[in-house]
Amino acid sequence: MGLRMIEPWENPRSDMYWFRRRIPTNLVGFMGRKELKFSLKTKDWDEAVLLCNEENLKLERMWHEHLHGRTHTELK
């Protein structure tokens, strides 16, 4: 599973940007849902892109650790 770049989603009800991502099928049981979404608490596009990328990287790391049974610090 490679790192997937995603963009913030603008919630039309609040004009705030949100992190929104589908959960891969093989991780739905681990995550307990099919989609993850939450507010990035900003209306600024540039800030939202940075926050979205940071949150996506955290999620990818968590999935990698779950699937491979080791942390990224153990890989060094």
N, C-alpha and C. Protein backbone atom coordinates (compact mmCIF):
# COMPACT_ATOMS: atom_id res chain seq x y z
N MET A 1 0.86 -1.17 0.00
CA MET A 1 0.00 0.00 0.00
C MET A 1 0.90 1.23 0.00
N GLY A 2 0.83 2.03 -1.04
CA GLY A 2 1.63 3.24 -1.13
C GLY A 2 0.89 4.44 -0.56
N LEU A 3 1.63 5.48 -0.29
CA LEU A 3 1.03 6.70 0.25
C LEU A 3 0.14 7.34 -0.80
N ARG A 4 -1.09 7.55 -0.45
CA ARG A 4 -2.07 8.14 -1.36
C ARG A 4 -2.25 9.60 -0.99
N MET A 5 -2.02 10.49 -1.94
CA MET A 5 -2.19 11.92 -1.68
C MET A 5 -3.67 12.27 -1.86
N ILE A 6 -4.18 12.99 -0.90
CA ILE A 6 -5.58 13.40 -0.96
C ILE A 6 -5.66 14.90 -0.74
N GLU A 7 -6.81 15.47 -1.08
CA GLU A 7 -7.03 16.90 -0.89
C GLU A 7 -8.14 17.11 0.13
N PRO A 8 -8.11 18.25 0.81
CA PRO A 8 -9.19 18.57 1.75
C PRO A 8 -10.52 18.67 1.02
N TRP A 9 -11.57 18.38 1.74
CA TRP A 9 -12.93 18.47 1.21
C TRP A 9 -13.60 19.67 1.88
N GLU A 10 -14.21 20.54 1.09
CA GLU A 10 -14.90 21.71 1.66
C GLU A 10 -16.34 21.33 1.98
N ASN A 11 -16.67 21.39 3.26
CA ASN A 11 -18.03 21.09 3.70
C ASN A 11 -18.93 22.26 3.31
N PRO A 12 -19.92 22.03 2.45
CA PRO A 12 -20.77 23.13 2.00
C PRO A 12 -21.64 23.74 3.10
N ARG A 13 -21.85 23.00 4.17
CA ARG A 13 -22.67 23.54 5.27
C ARG A 13 -21.92 24.51 6.17
N SER A 14 -20.59 24.36 6.23
CA SER A 14 -19.83 25.19 7.16
C SER A 14 -18.73 26.00 6.48
N ASP A 15 -18.42 25.70 5.23
CA ASP A 15 -17.30 26.32 4.50
C ASP A 15 -15.94 25.98 5.13
N MET A 16 -15.92 25.05 6.06
CA MET A 16 -14.66 24.58 6.65
C MET A 16 -14.16 23.41 5.82
N TYR A 17 -12.84 23.23 5.84
CA TYR A 17 -12.25 22.09 5.15
C TYR A 17 -12.20 20.89 6.08
N TRP A 18 -12.40 19.73 5.48
CA TRP A 18 -12.43 18.48 6.22
C TRP A 18 -11.44 17.49 5.65
N PHE A 19 -10.96 16.60 6.50
CA PHE A 19 -10.22 15.42 6.08
C PHE A 19 -11.27 14.35 5.81
N ARG A 20 -11.17 13.72 4.65
CA ARG A 20 -12.15 12.70 4.31
C ARG A 20 -11.44 11.62 3.48
N ARG A 21 -11.53 10.38 3.94
CA ARG A 21 -10.85 9.30 3.24
C ARG A 21 -11.57 7.98 3.44
N ARG A 22 -11.69 7.22 2.36
CA ARG A 22 -12.23 5.86 2.45
C ARG A 22 -11.19 4.96 3.09
N ILE A 23 -11.68 4.01 3.86
CA ILE A 23 -10.81 3.03 4.49
C ILE A 23 -10.66 1.85 3.54
N PRO A 24 -9.42 1.39 3.27
CA PRO A 24 -9.25 0.22 2.42
C PRO A 24 -10.01 -0.99 2.98
N THR A 25 -10.53 -1.79 2.10
CA THR A 25 -11.36 -2.94 2.50
C THR A 25 -10.70 -3.81 3.54
N ASN A 26 -9.41 -4.07 3.39
CA ASN A 26 -8.72 -4.96 4.33
C ASN A 26 -8.50 -4.32 5.71
N LEU A 27 -8.83 -3.04 5.86
CA LEU A 27 -8.65 -2.36 7.15
C LEU A 27 -9.97 -1.90 7.78
N VAL A 28 -11.09 -2.20 7.13
CA VAL A 28 -12.40 -1.78 7.66
C VAL A 28 -12.64 -2.41 9.04
N GLY A 29 -12.31 -3.67 9.21
CA GLY A 29 -12.48 -4.33 10.51
C GLY A 29 -11.64 -3.68 11.60
N PHE A 30 -10.42 -3.32 11.27
CA PHE A 30 -9.51 -2.66 12.21
C PHE A 30 -10.02 -1.26 12.58
N MET A 31 -10.50 -0.52 11.59
CA MET A 31 -10.95 0.86 11.81
C MET A 31 -12.39 0.93 12.31
N GLY A 32 -13.19 -0.10 12.03
CA GLY A 32 -14.57 -0.10 12.48
C GLY A 32 -15.50 0.78 11.66
N ARG A 33 -15.05 1.17 10.49
CA ARG A 33 -15.88 2.00 9.61
C ARG A 33 -15.30 1.96 8.20
N LYS A 34 -16.08 2.45 7.24
CA LYS A 34 -15.66 2.44 5.84
C LYS A 34 -15.08 3.78 5.40
N GLU A 35 -15.33 4.82 6.17
CA GLU A 35 -14.84 6.15 5.82
C GLU A 35 -14.45 6.89 7.08
N LEU A 36 -13.42 7.70 6.98
CA LEU A 36 -12.97 8.53 8.08
C LEU A 36 -13.10 9.98 7.64
N LYS A 37 -13.77 10.78 8.45
CA LYS A 37 -13.89 12.20 8.13
C LYS A 37 -13.99 13.01 9.41
N PHE A 38 -13.33 14.16 9.37
CA PHE A 38 -13.38 15.09 10.50
C PHE A 38 -12.94 16.47 10.02
N SER A 39 -13.35 17.48 10.77
CA SER A 39 -13.03 18.85 10.41
C SER A 39 -11.56 19.15 10.64
N LEU A 40 -10.96 19.88 9.71
CA LEU A 40 -9.60 20.37 9.88
C LEU A 40 -9.60 21.73 10.58
N LYS A 41 -10.80 22.25 10.86
CA LYS A 41 -11.01 23.49 11.62
C LYS A 41 -10.31 24.69 11.01
N THR A 42 -10.38 24.76 9.68
CA THR A 42 -9.84 25.93 8.99
C THR A 42 -10.63 26.18 7.71
N LYS A 43 -10.66 27.45 7.32
CA LYS A 43 -11.27 27.85 6.06
C LYS A 43 -10.19 28.23 5.05
N ASP A 44 -8.94 28.18 5.47
CA ASP A 44 -7.81 28.55 4.62
C ASP A 44 -7.33 27.33 3.84
N TRP A 45 -7.34 27.42 2.50
CA TRP A 45 -6.98 26.29 1.65
C TRP A 45 -5.56 25.81 1.90
N ASP A 46 -4.59 26.71 1.93
CA ASP A 46 -3.19 26.30 2.10
C ASP A 46 -2.97 25.58 3.43
N GLU A 47 -3.56 26.10 4.49
CA GLU A 47 -3.44 25.44 5.79
C GLU A 47 -4.13 24.07 5.76
N ALA A 48 -5.29 24.01 5.11
CA ALA A 48 -6.04 22.75 5.03
C ALA A 48 -5.24 21.68 4.28
N VAL A 49 -4.53 22.07 3.23
CA VAL A 49 -3.72 21.10 2.48
C VAL A 49 -2.62 20.53 3.37
N LEU A 50 -1.94 21.40 4.12
CA LEU A 50 -0.90 20.93 5.03
C LEU A 50 -1.46 20.00 6.10
N LEU A 51 -2.56 20.41 6.72
CA LEU A 51 -3.17 19.60 7.77
C LEU A 51 -3.66 18.26 7.22
N CYS A 52 -4.23 18.29 6.03
CA CYS A 52 -4.74 17.07 5.41
C CYS A 52 -3.59 16.10 5.14
N ASN A 53 -2.48 16.60 4.63
CA ASN A 53 -1.33 15.74 4.37
C ASN A 53 -0.75 15.18 5.66
N GLU A 54 -0.70 15.99 6.72
CA GLU A 54 -0.20 15.51 8.00
C GLU A 54 -1.10 14.40 8.55
N GLU A 55 -2.40 14.60 8.51
CA GLU A 55 -3.34 13.60 9.02
C GLU A 55 -3.29 12.32 8.18
N ASN A 56 -3.14 12.48 6.88
CA ASN A 56 -3.05 11.32 6.00
C ASN A 56 -1.79 10.50 6.30
N LEU A 57 -0.70 11.17 6.55
CA LEU A 57 0.54 10.48 6.88
C LEU A 57 0.41 9.71 8.20
N LYS A 58 -0.22 10.33 9.20
CA LYS A 58 -0.45 9.63 10.47
C LYS A 58 -1.28 8.36 10.26
N LEU A 59 -2.31 8.49 9.43
CA LEU A 59 -3.19 7.36 9.15
C LEU A 59 -2.42 6.25 8.42
N GLU A 60 -1.65 6.62 7.42
CA GLU A 60 -0.85 5.62 6.68
C GLU A 60 0.14 4.91 7.60
N ARG A 61 0.77 5.66 8.51
CA ARG A 61 1.71 5.04 9.46
C ARG A 61 1.00 4.05 10.37
N MET A 62 -0.17 4.44 10.88
CA MET A 62 -0.93 3.57 11.76
C MET A 62 -1.31 2.28 11.02
N TRP A 63 -1.76 2.40 9.78
CA TRP A 63 -2.13 1.22 9.00
C TRP A 63 -0.91 0.34 8.75
N HIS A 64 0.21 0.94 8.42
CA HIS A 64 1.44 0.18 8.17
C HIS A 64 1.84 -0.59 9.43
N GLU A 65 1.81 0.08 10.58
CA GLU A 65 2.16 -0.59 11.84
C GLU A 65 1.20 -1.72 12.14
N HIS A 66 -0.08 -1.52 11.87
CA HIS A 66 -1.07 -2.58 12.11
C HIS A 66 -0.82 -3.78 11.20
N LEU A 67 -0.57 -3.53 9.94
CA LEU A 67 -0.40 -4.61 8.97
C LEU A 67 0.92 -5.35 9.11
N HIS A 68 1.97 -4.63 9.54
CA HIS A 68 3.29 -5.23 9.58
C HIS A 68 3.79 -5.51 11.00
N GLY A 69 3.03 -5.11 12.00
CA GLY A 69 3.37 -5.43 13.37
C GLY A 69 4.62 -4.79 13.90
N ARG A 70 4.98 -3.65 13.35
CA ARG A 70 6.16 -2.94 13.86
C ARG A 70 5.96 -1.44 13.64
N THR A 71 6.68 -0.66 14.38
CA THR A 71 6.57 0.79 14.27
C THR A 71 7.59 1.32 13.29
N HIS A 72 7.35 2.53 12.83
CA HIS A 72 8.29 3.14 11.88
C HIS A 72 9.66 3.40 12.53
N THR A 73 9.72 3.56 13.86
CA THR A 73 11.01 3.76 14.52
C THR A 73 11.82 2.46 14.52
N GLU A 74 11.15 1.31 14.51
CA GLU A 74 11.84 0.02 14.48
C GLU A 74 12.40 -0.29 13.09
N LEU A 75 11.96 0.43 12.09
CA LEU A 75 12.41 0.18 10.72
C LEU A 75 13.75 0.84 10.43
N LYS A 76 14.17 1.78 11.26
CA LYS A 76 15.42 2.52 11.02
C LYS A 76 16.63 1.68 11.30
